[in-house]
Amino acid sequence: MLALFLAAALANPPTHPVTLEGGLVQAVSAESLGAGVYGRVAAALGSHVALDVGLREGYLPGVQRTLGAVTAGVRYLPNKGPYVRAGFLHHHETPWALAKRFPVQTTLGSLSGISHRSGAELAVGGDIPILQEGYGGRLGVNLELSVGAFPDPAGSAVYVFLQQGFTIDAGRRRSVGD
């Protein structure tokens, strides 16, 4: 899905700054360690604020379940580089036995037996451009540390995530004043 969005964005770039990113994520909770993949889109809304939407999908072997996440919030970025992100977090936590039998429904979050949990997430991160000829600073690497908190007792109250990935700026180039 992210690959299709990337292809469409590069074929017809938006007129405002948009950053696409994707990569690997590690998860830590009181119950287990885990790992997975993520994708994220940040679309500039103003000079230093972007709408930020993301997806994660991973596996927690200590508790034998998958962990899917949908995030939506805002990203405050003074310039290309460090940023702070805050917003809504929704988890789909699925027992591994169900996920193996129904992988598509598990990924979509539409399977009976999935635990749906909602909370909040706060993150700090940074985008570092890859400075090579021909890329024009549009490609980069991203590192982000986030904390997700849930008010319900259906699982871990807190998750910590470390994301490492690559970015591509698909829209108008962000200038110093943006």
N, C-alpha and C. Protein backbone atom coordinates (compact mmCIF):
# COMPACT_ATOMS: atom_id res chain seq x y z
N MET A 1 0.83 -1.18 0.00
CA MET A 1 0.00 0.00 0.00
C MET A 1 0.88 1.25 0.00
N LEU A 2 1.91 1.26 0.86
CA LEU A 2 2.81 2.41 0.92
C LEU A 2 3.55 2.57 -0.40
N ALA A 3 3.94 1.45 -1.04
CA ALA A 3 4.64 1.51 -2.32
C ALA A 3 3.77 2.14 -3.39
N LEU A 4 2.47 1.81 -3.40
CA LEU A 4 1.56 2.42 -4.37
C LEU A 4 1.41 3.91 -4.13
N PHE A 5 1.30 4.30 -2.85
CA PHE A 5 1.19 5.72 -2.52
C PHE A 5 2.46 6.47 -2.94
N LEU A 6 3.62 5.86 -2.70
CA LEU A 6 4.90 6.46 -3.08
C LEU A 6 4.96 6.65 -4.58
N ALA A 7 4.58 5.64 -5.36
CA ALA A 7 4.61 5.75 -6.81
C ALA A 7 3.68 6.86 -7.30
N ALA A 8 2.49 6.93 -6.73
CA ALA A 8 1.53 7.98 -7.12
C ALA A 8 2.06 9.36 -6.76
N ALA A 9 2.65 9.49 -5.58
CA ALA A 9 3.17 10.79 -5.13
C ALA A 9 4.33 11.25 -6.00
N LEU A 10 5.18 10.34 -6.42
CA LEU A 10 6.32 10.72 -7.26
C LEU A 10 5.87 11.03 -8.68
N ALA A 11 4.82 10.37 -9.16
CA ALA A 11 4.32 10.62 -10.50
C ALA A 11 3.63 11.98 -10.59
N ASN A 12 2.94 12.38 -9.52
CA ASN A 12 2.23 13.64 -9.48
C ASN A 12 2.46 14.28 -8.11
N PRO A 13 3.64 14.91 -7.90
CA PRO A 13 3.97 15.41 -6.58
C PRO A 13 3.00 16.47 -6.08
N PRO A 14 2.64 16.42 -4.78
CA PRO A 14 1.77 17.46 -4.23
C PRO A 14 2.47 18.81 -4.23
N THR A 15 1.68 19.87 -4.11
CA THR A 15 2.23 21.22 -4.16
C THR A 15 2.75 21.69 -2.80
N HIS A 16 2.61 20.88 -1.76
CA HIS A 16 3.09 21.25 -0.43
C HIS A 16 4.05 20.16 0.05
N PRO A 17 4.91 20.46 1.03
CA PRO A 17 5.86 19.45 1.51
C PRO A 17 5.17 18.21 2.09
N VAL A 18 5.54 17.03 1.59
CA VAL A 18 5.04 15.75 2.06
C VAL A 18 6.24 14.82 2.22
N THR A 19 6.36 14.19 3.36
CA THR A 19 7.44 13.22 3.59
C THR A 19 6.83 11.85 3.78
N LEU A 20 7.34 10.88 3.02
CA LEU A 20 6.95 9.48 3.15
C LEU A 20 8.10 8.76 3.83
N GLU A 21 7.79 7.87 4.76
CA GLU A 21 8.86 7.12 5.41
C GLU A 21 8.41 5.71 5.71
N GLY A 22 9.37 4.83 5.83
CA GLY A 22 9.08 3.45 6.16
C GLY A 22 10.34 2.75 6.61
N GLY A 23 10.16 1.70 7.40
CA GLY A 23 11.32 0.97 7.88
C GLY A 23 10.96 -0.05 8.93
N LEU A 24 11.87 -0.25 9.86
CA LEU A 24 11.73 -1.25 10.91
C LEU A 24 11.40 -0.59 12.24
N VAL A 25 10.69 -1.34 13.10
CA VAL A 25 10.33 -0.83 14.42
C VAL A 25 10.57 -1.93 15.45
N GLN A 26 11.08 -1.54 16.59
CA GLN A 26 11.21 -2.43 17.75
C GLN A 26 10.23 -1.94 18.80
N ALA A 27 9.63 -2.89 19.52
CA ALA A 27 8.64 -2.57 20.55
C ALA A 27 9.06 -3.19 21.87
N VAL A 28 8.81 -2.46 22.96
CA VAL A 28 9.08 -2.95 24.31
C VAL A 28 7.86 -2.66 25.15
N SER A 29 7.40 -3.68 25.88
CA SER A 29 6.31 -3.50 26.85
C SER A 29 6.69 -4.25 28.10
N ALA A 30 5.87 -4.16 29.12
CA ALA A 30 6.13 -4.90 30.35
C ALA A 30 6.03 -6.40 30.11
N GLU A 31 5.33 -6.81 29.05
CA GLU A 31 5.10 -8.22 28.76
C GLU A 31 6.10 -8.84 27.80
N SER A 32 6.65 -8.05 26.86
CA SER A 32 7.43 -8.65 25.79
C SER A 32 8.25 -7.62 25.03
N LEU A 33 9.25 -8.12 24.32
CA LEU A 33 9.95 -7.36 23.29
C LEU A 33 9.37 -7.80 21.96
N GLY A 34 9.48 -6.96 20.93
CA GLY A 34 8.96 -7.35 19.63
C GLY A 34 9.57 -6.52 18.53
N ALA A 35 9.21 -6.84 17.30
CA ALA A 35 9.73 -6.13 16.14
C ALA A 35 8.71 -6.18 15.02
N GLY A 36 8.86 -5.26 14.06
CA GLY A 36 7.94 -5.22 12.93
C GLY A 36 8.37 -4.18 11.91
N VAL A 37 7.40 -3.74 11.12
CA VAL A 37 7.64 -2.74 10.08
C VAL A 37 6.66 -1.58 10.28
N TYR A 38 6.99 -0.44 9.68
CA TYR A 38 6.10 0.72 9.79
C TYR A 38 6.14 1.54 8.50
N GLY A 39 5.10 2.34 8.31
CA GLY A 39 5.03 3.32 7.24
C GLY A 39 4.36 4.57 7.79
N ARG A 40 4.76 5.72 7.28
CA ARG A 40 4.26 6.98 7.83
C ARG A 40 4.24 8.04 6.72
N VAL A 41 3.25 8.94 6.78
CA VAL A 41 3.16 10.07 5.88
C VAL A 41 3.02 11.33 6.73
N ALA A 42 3.84 12.34 6.45
CA ALA A 42 3.74 13.64 7.13
C ALA A 42 3.52 14.70 6.06
N ALA A 43 2.36 15.36 6.10
CA ALA A 43 2.00 16.39 5.12
C ALA A 43 1.94 17.74 5.82
N ALA A 44 2.73 18.69 5.32
CA ALA A 44 2.82 20.02 5.94
C ALA A 44 1.46 20.72 5.93
N LEU A 45 1.09 21.28 7.09
CA LEU A 45 -0.13 22.08 7.22
C LEU A 45 0.19 23.56 7.30
N GLY A 46 1.39 23.87 7.70
CA GLY A 46 1.80 25.26 7.87
C GLY A 46 3.31 25.33 7.91
N SER A 47 3.81 26.40 8.50
CA SER A 47 5.25 26.62 8.46
C SER A 47 6.05 25.56 9.20
N HIS A 48 5.59 25.07 10.35
CA HIS A 48 6.36 24.09 11.10
C HIS A 48 5.51 22.94 11.64
N VAL A 49 4.31 22.78 11.11
CA VAL A 49 3.39 21.75 11.60
C VAL A 49 2.97 20.86 10.44
N ALA A 50 2.94 19.55 10.70
CA ALA A 50 2.52 18.59 9.68
C ALA A 50 1.48 17.63 10.26
N LEU A 51 0.53 17.23 9.44
CA LEU A 51 -0.38 16.14 9.77
C LEU A 51 0.43 14.86 9.61
N ASP A 52 0.38 13.97 10.59
CA ASP A 52 1.21 12.76 10.59
C ASP A 52 0.31 11.55 10.78
N VAL A 53 0.33 10.62 9.82
CA VAL A 53 -0.47 9.41 9.87
C VAL A 53 0.45 8.22 9.64
N GLY A 54 0.31 7.17 10.46
CA GLY A 54 1.20 6.03 10.32
C GLY A 54 0.54 4.70 10.59
N LEU A 55 1.21 3.65 10.14
CA LEU A 55 0.79 2.27 10.37
C LEU A 55 1.99 1.47 10.85
N ARG A 56 1.76 0.54 11.76
CA ARG A 56 2.80 -0.39 12.22
C ARG A 56 2.21 -1.78 12.27
N GLU A 57 3.03 -2.78 12.01
CA GLU A 57 2.60 -4.17 12.17
C GLU A 57 3.80 -4.95 12.65
N GLY A 58 3.62 -5.69 13.75
CA GLY A 58 4.74 -6.43 14.31
C GLY A 58 4.30 -7.64 15.10
N TYR A 59 5.28 -8.26 15.74
CA TYR A 59 5.05 -9.50 16.48
C TYR A 59 5.73 -9.40 17.84
N LEU A 60 5.01 -9.81 18.89
CA LEU A 60 5.54 -9.86 20.25
C LEU A 60 5.67 -11.33 20.66
N PRO A 61 6.86 -11.93 20.55
CA PRO A 61 7.00 -13.37 20.81
C PRO A 61 6.76 -13.76 22.27
N GLY A 62 7.04 -12.87 23.21
CA GLY A 62 6.86 -13.21 24.63
C GLY A 62 5.42 -13.46 25.01
N VAL A 63 4.48 -12.87 24.28
CA VAL A 63 3.06 -13.06 24.56
C VAL A 63 2.33 -13.68 23.36
N GLN A 64 3.09 -14.09 22.34
CA GLN A 64 2.54 -14.78 21.17
C GLN A 64 1.36 -14.03 20.55
N ARG A 65 1.60 -12.74 20.18
CA ARG A 65 0.54 -12.01 19.50
C ARG A 65 1.13 -10.98 18.55
N THR A 66 0.32 -10.61 17.55
CA THR A 66 0.72 -9.55 16.64
C THR A 66 0.27 -8.22 17.24
N LEU A 67 0.91 -7.18 16.81
CA LEU A 67 0.60 -5.84 17.29
C LEU A 67 0.53 -4.91 16.09
N GLY A 68 -0.69 -4.56 15.69
CA GLY A 68 -0.88 -3.61 14.61
C GLY A 68 -1.25 -2.27 15.22
N ALA A 69 -0.85 -1.19 14.57
CA ALA A 69 -1.14 0.13 15.11
C ALA A 69 -1.49 1.10 14.00
N VAL A 70 -2.41 2.00 14.31
CA VAL A 70 -2.74 3.14 13.46
C VAL A 70 -2.50 4.38 14.32
N THR A 71 -1.75 5.33 13.78
CA THR A 71 -1.48 6.57 14.51
C THR A 71 -1.94 7.76 13.66
N ALA A 72 -2.40 8.79 14.32
CA ALA A 72 -2.79 10.03 13.65
C ALA A 72 -2.55 11.18 14.62
N GLY A 73 -1.86 12.19 14.15
CA GLY A 73 -1.58 13.32 15.02
C GLY A 73 -0.89 14.43 14.28
N VAL A 74 -0.15 15.21 15.02
CA VAL A 74 0.60 16.33 14.45
C VAL A 74 2.08 16.16 14.76
N ARG A 75 2.86 16.70 13.86
CA ARG A 75 4.32 16.71 14.00
C ARG A 75 4.76 18.16 13.98
N TYR A 76 5.52 18.56 14.99
CA TYR A 76 6.09 19.91 15.03
C TYR A 76 7.56 19.78 14.65
N LEU A 77 7.93 20.43 13.54
CA LEU A 77 9.31 20.37 13.07
C LEU A 77 9.79 21.78 12.73
N PRO A 78 10.72 22.29 13.53
CA PRO A 78 11.22 23.64 13.28
C PRO A 78 11.84 23.78 11.89
N ASN A 79 12.60 22.80 11.45
CA ASN A 79 13.19 22.71 10.12
C ASN A 79 13.38 21.24 9.83
N LYS A 80 13.89 20.91 8.66
CA LYS A 80 14.19 19.51 8.36
C LYS A 80 15.19 19.04 9.40
N GLY A 81 14.87 18.00 10.13
CA GLY A 81 15.74 17.50 11.20
C GLY A 81 14.92 17.04 12.37
N PRO A 82 15.21 17.54 13.59
CA PRO A 82 14.48 17.07 14.78
C PRO A 82 13.01 17.48 14.77
N TYR A 83 12.18 16.65 15.38
CA TYR A 83 10.75 16.95 15.48
C TYR A 83 10.18 16.31 16.73
N VAL A 84 8.96 16.76 17.08
CA VAL A 84 8.16 16.18 18.15
C VAL A 84 6.83 15.79 17.51
N ARG A 85 6.33 14.62 17.88
CA ARG A 85 5.07 14.13 17.32
C ARG A 85 4.15 13.72 18.46
N ALA A 86 2.85 14.06 18.35
CA ALA A 86 1.87 13.68 19.38
C ALA A 86 0.55 13.38 18.70
N GLY A 87 -0.19 12.42 19.30
CA GLY A 87 -1.50 12.15 18.73
C GLY A 87 -2.15 10.89 19.24
N PHE A 88 -3.13 10.45 18.49
CA PHE A 88 -3.97 9.30 18.77
C PHE A 88 -3.25 8.01 18.37
N LEU A 89 -3.43 6.95 19.16
CA LEU A 89 -2.83 5.65 18.88
C LEU A 89 -3.92 4.58 19.05
N HIS A 90 -4.07 3.72 18.05
CA HIS A 90 -5.03 2.62 18.12
C HIS A 90 -4.31 1.32 17.82
N HIS A 91 -4.39 0.36 18.73
CA HIS A 91 -3.74 -0.94 18.56
C HIS A 91 -4.75 -2.03 18.21
N HIS A 92 -4.28 -2.96 17.40
CA HIS A 92 -4.97 -4.24 17.14
C HIS A 92 -4.03 -5.31 17.68
N GLU A 93 -4.38 -5.94 18.76
CA GLU A 93 -3.54 -6.98 19.35
C GLU A 93 -4.24 -8.32 19.13
N THR A 94 -3.58 -9.22 18.37
CA THR A 94 -4.19 -10.46 17.91
C THR A 94 -3.38 -11.67 18.37
N PRO A 95 -4.01 -12.66 18.97
CA PRO A 95 -3.29 -13.89 19.31
C PRO A 95 -2.65 -14.50 18.06
N TRP A 96 -1.42 -14.99 18.20
CA TRP A 96 -0.64 -15.50 17.07
C TRP A 96 -1.37 -16.63 16.33
N ALA A 97 -2.06 -17.51 17.05
CA ALA A 97 -2.77 -18.61 16.40
C ALA A 97 -3.82 -18.08 15.42
N LEU A 98 -4.53 -17.02 15.78
CA LEU A 98 -5.51 -16.40 14.87
C LEU A 98 -4.82 -15.68 13.71
N ALA A 99 -3.74 -14.98 14.01
CA ALA A 99 -3.02 -14.22 12.98
C ALA A 99 -2.47 -15.15 11.90
N LYS A 100 -1.99 -16.33 12.28
CA LYS A 100 -1.47 -17.28 11.30
C LYS A 100 -2.59 -17.80 10.39
N ARG A 101 -3.76 -18.02 10.95
CA ARG A 101 -4.89 -18.55 10.17
C ARG A 101 -5.56 -17.50 9.30
N PHE A 102 -5.57 -16.25 9.77
CA PHE A 102 -6.27 -15.17 9.07
C PHE A 102 -5.38 -13.92 8.95
N PRO A 103 -4.29 -14.00 8.15
CA PRO A 103 -3.35 -12.87 8.11
C PRO A 103 -3.92 -11.58 7.53
N VAL A 104 -4.77 -11.67 6.52
CA VAL A 104 -5.32 -10.46 5.90
C VAL A 104 -6.27 -9.76 6.87
N GLN A 105 -7.19 -10.51 7.48
CA GLN A 105 -8.13 -9.90 8.43
C GLN A 105 -7.39 -9.35 9.64
N THR A 106 -6.32 -10.04 10.06
CA THR A 106 -5.52 -9.54 11.18
C THR A 106 -4.92 -8.20 10.84
N THR A 107 -4.31 -8.09 9.65
CA THR A 107 -3.67 -6.84 9.24
C THR A 107 -4.69 -5.71 9.10
N LEU A 108 -5.89 -6.04 8.64
CA LEU A 108 -6.94 -5.03 8.48
C LEU A 108 -7.65 -4.70 9.78
N GLY A 109 -7.43 -5.53 10.82
CA GLY A 109 -8.09 -5.28 12.11
C GLY A 109 -9.55 -5.63 12.12
N SER A 110 -9.97 -6.55 11.25
CA SER A 110 -11.39 -6.86 11.12
C SER A 110 -11.75 -8.28 11.56
N LEU A 111 -10.94 -8.89 12.38
CA LEU A 111 -11.13 -10.27 12.78
C LEU A 111 -11.71 -10.35 14.19
N SER A 112 -12.69 -11.23 14.38
CA SER A 112 -13.21 -11.47 15.72
C SER A 112 -12.10 -12.08 16.56
N GLY A 113 -11.90 -11.59 17.76
CA GLY A 113 -10.81 -12.07 18.61
C GLY A 113 -9.66 -11.08 18.73
N ILE A 114 -9.71 -10.01 17.94
CA ILE A 114 -8.70 -8.96 18.04
C ILE A 114 -9.07 -8.04 19.20
N SER A 115 -8.09 -7.71 20.00
CA SER A 115 -8.28 -6.73 21.07
C SER A 115 -8.01 -5.35 20.50
N HIS A 116 -9.03 -4.49 20.47
CA HIS A 116 -8.88 -3.11 19.99
C HIS A 116 -8.66 -2.21 21.19
N ARG A 117 -7.56 -1.45 21.16
CA ARG A 117 -7.23 -0.55 22.27
C ARG A 117 -6.84 0.80 21.72
N SER A 118 -7.29 1.86 22.36
CA SER A 118 -6.95 3.21 21.92
C SER A 118 -6.30 3.98 23.05
N GLY A 119 -5.36 4.85 22.67
CA GLY A 119 -4.64 5.65 23.64
C GLY A 119 -3.98 6.84 22.96
N ALA A 120 -2.87 7.27 23.53
CA ALA A 120 -2.14 8.43 23.02
C ALA A 120 -0.67 8.07 22.84
N GLU A 121 -0.01 8.79 21.94
CA GLU A 121 1.41 8.54 21.68
C GLU A 121 2.15 9.87 21.60
N LEU A 122 3.36 9.88 22.16
CA LEU A 122 4.26 11.03 22.12
C LEU A 122 5.60 10.54 21.61
N ALA A 123 6.20 11.30 20.69
CA ALA A 123 7.45 10.85 20.06
C ALA A 123 8.41 12.01 19.85
N VAL A 124 9.69 11.69 19.83
CA VAL A 124 10.74 12.60 19.38
C VAL A 124 11.52 11.86 18.31
N GLY A 125 11.94 12.58 17.29
CA GLY A 125 12.65 11.93 16.21
C GLY A 125 13.44 12.92 15.40
N GLY A 126 14.05 12.41 14.35
CA GLY A 126 14.83 13.26 13.47
C GLY A 126 14.91 12.68 12.08
N ASP A 127 14.84 13.55 11.10
CA ASP A 127 15.05 13.20 9.69
C ASP A 127 16.38 13.78 9.27
N ILE A 128 17.25 12.94 8.73
CA ILE A 128 18.58 13.37 8.30
C ILE A 128 18.68 13.14 6.80
N PRO A 129 18.83 14.20 6.00
CA PRO A 129 18.92 14.03 4.55
C PRO A 129 20.18 13.25 4.16
N ILE A 130 20.04 12.46 3.10
CA ILE A 130 21.19 11.80 2.50
C ILE A 130 21.74 12.78 1.47
N LEU A 131 22.91 13.29 1.71
CA LEU A 131 23.48 14.34 0.86
C LEU A 131 24.33 13.72 -0.24
N GLN A 132 23.67 13.33 -1.33
CA GLN A 132 24.37 12.79 -2.48
C GLN A 132 23.86 13.49 -3.72
N GLU A 133 24.76 13.64 -4.70
CA GLU A 133 24.36 14.25 -5.97
C GLU A 133 23.23 13.45 -6.60
N GLY A 134 22.31 14.13 -7.23
CA GLY A 134 21.21 13.47 -7.91
C GLY A 134 19.97 13.31 -7.04
N TYR A 135 20.12 13.26 -5.72
CA TYR A 135 18.97 13.10 -4.85
C TYR A 135 18.42 14.44 -4.39
N GLY A 136 19.24 15.47 -4.43
CA GLY A 136 18.80 16.80 -4.06
C GLY A 136 18.31 16.93 -2.63
N GLY A 137 18.80 16.08 -1.74
CA GLY A 137 18.39 16.14 -0.35
C GLY A 137 16.99 15.60 -0.10
N ARG A 138 16.36 14.97 -1.10
CA ARG A 138 15.00 14.45 -0.95
C ARG A 138 14.97 13.11 -0.22
N LEU A 139 16.05 12.35 -0.27
CA LEU A 139 16.12 11.07 0.44
C LEU A 139 16.76 11.29 1.80
N GLY A 140 16.35 10.51 2.77
CA GLY A 140 16.93 10.66 4.09
C GLY A 140 16.76 9.42 4.93
N VAL A 141 17.27 9.49 6.14
CA VAL A 141 17.07 8.44 7.12
C VAL A 141 16.31 9.04 8.30
N ASN A 142 15.58 8.20 9.01
CA ASN A 142 14.77 8.66 10.12
C ASN A 142 15.02 7.78 11.32
N LEU A 143 15.05 8.39 12.48
CA LEU A 143 15.14 7.69 13.75
C LEU A 143 14.13 8.33 14.69
N GLU A 144 13.29 7.49 15.34
CA GLU A 144 12.25 8.03 16.21
C GLU A 144 12.07 7.14 17.43
N LEU A 145 11.89 7.76 18.58
CA LEU A 145 11.57 7.08 19.82
C LEU A 145 10.20 7.57 20.27
N SER A 146 9.27 6.63 20.52
CA SER A 146 7.92 7.04 20.92
C SER A 146 7.44 6.20 22.10
N VAL A 147 6.48 6.77 22.81
CA VAL A 147 5.84 6.10 23.94
C VAL A 147 4.34 6.16 23.71
N GLY A 148 3.69 4.98 23.78
CA GLY A 148 2.24 4.90 23.65
C GLY A 148 1.65 4.48 24.99
N ALA A 149 0.58 5.13 25.40
CA ALA A 149 -0.06 4.84 26.70
C ALA A 149 -1.53 4.53 26.48
N PHE A 150 -2.01 3.52 27.22
CA PHE A 150 -3.39 3.05 27.12
C PHE A 150 -4.04 3.10 28.49
N PRO A 151 -5.28 3.63 28.60
CA PRO A 151 -5.95 3.73 29.89
C PRO A 151 -6.62 2.44 30.35
N ASP A 152 -6.80 1.47 29.44
CA ASP A 152 -7.54 0.26 29.82
C ASP A 152 -6.59 -0.83 30.34
N PRO A 153 -7.13 -1.80 31.11
CA PRO A 153 -6.29 -2.86 31.68
C PRO A 153 -6.19 -4.11 30.80
N ALA A 154 -6.54 -4.03 29.50
CA ALA A 154 -6.57 -5.21 28.63
C ALA A 154 -5.20 -5.70 28.19
N GLY A 155 -4.15 -5.00 28.55
CA GLY A 155 -2.78 -5.38 28.17
C GLY A 155 -1.82 -4.40 28.81
N SER A 156 -0.62 -4.33 28.25
CA SER A 156 0.37 -3.39 28.77
C SER A 156 -0.16 -1.96 28.72
N ALA A 157 0.06 -1.23 29.78
CA ALA A 157 -0.38 0.17 29.84
C ALA A 157 0.51 1.07 28.99
N VAL A 158 1.79 0.67 28.83
CA VAL A 158 2.76 1.51 28.11
C VAL A 158 3.56 0.64 27.14
N TYR A 159 3.76 1.16 25.95
CA TYR A 159 4.66 0.56 24.95
C TYR A 159 5.69 1.61 24.57
N VAL A 160 6.92 1.19 24.34
CA VAL A 160 7.97 2.07 23.84
C VAL A 160 8.39 1.51 22.47
N PHE A 161 8.49 2.40 21.50
CA PHE A 161 8.84 2.01 20.13
C PHE A 161 10.08 2.76 19.68
N LEU A 162 10.96 2.06 18.96
CA LEU A 162 12.11 2.67 18.31
C LEU A 162 11.98 2.36 16.82
N GLN A 163 11.85 3.40 16.01
CA GLN A 163 11.70 3.24 14.57
C GLN A 163 12.95 3.73 13.86
N GLN A 164 13.40 2.96 12.87
CA GLN A 164 14.51 3.36 12.01
C GLN A 164 14.09 3.11 10.59
N GLY A 165 14.19 4.13 9.74
CA GLY A 165 13.73 3.95 8.37
C GLY A 165 14.34 4.94 7.41
N PHE A 166 13.78 4.95 6.22
CA PHE A 166 14.19 5.86 5.17
C PHE A 166 13.04 6.79 4.85
N THR A 167 13.36 8.00 4.40
CA THR A 167 12.36 8.99 4.05
C THR A 167 12.57 9.45 2.61
N ILE A 168 11.50 9.93 2.01
CA ILE A 168 11.58 10.60 0.72
C ILE A 168 10.62 11.77 0.76
N ASP A 169 11.10 12.92 0.34
CA ASP A 169 10.26 14.11 0.26
C ASP A 169 9.61 14.10 -1.12
N ALA A 170 8.28 13.93 -1.15
CA ALA A 170 7.57 13.75 -2.41
C ALA A 170 6.91 15.02 -2.91
N GLY A 171 6.71 15.99 -2.08
CA GLY A 171 6.02 17.21 -2.49
C GLY A 171 6.99 18.33 -2.78
N ARG A 172 6.47 19.54 -2.70
CA ARG A 172 7.31 20.73 -2.88
C ARG A 172 8.43 20.70 -1.86
N ARG A 173 9.59 21.16 -2.27
CA ARG A 173 10.75 21.19 -1.39
C ARG A 173 10.47 22.12 -0.22
N ARG A 174 10.82 21.68 0.99
CA ARG A 174 10.66 22.51 2.19
C ARG A 174 11.79 23.53 2.19
N SER A 175 11.44 24.80 2.28
CA SER A 175 12.46 25.85 2.35
C SER A 175 12.65 26.26 3.79
N VAL A 176 13.64 27.11 4.03
CA VAL A 176 13.98 27.52 5.39
C VAL A 176 12.79 28.17 6.09
N GLY A 177 11.96 28.92 5.38
CA GLY A 177 10.82 29.59 5.98
C GLY A 177 9.62 28.68 6.22
N ASP A 178 9.64 27.47 5.68
CA ASP A 178 8.49 26.55 5.81
C ASP A 178 8.44 25.91 7.17
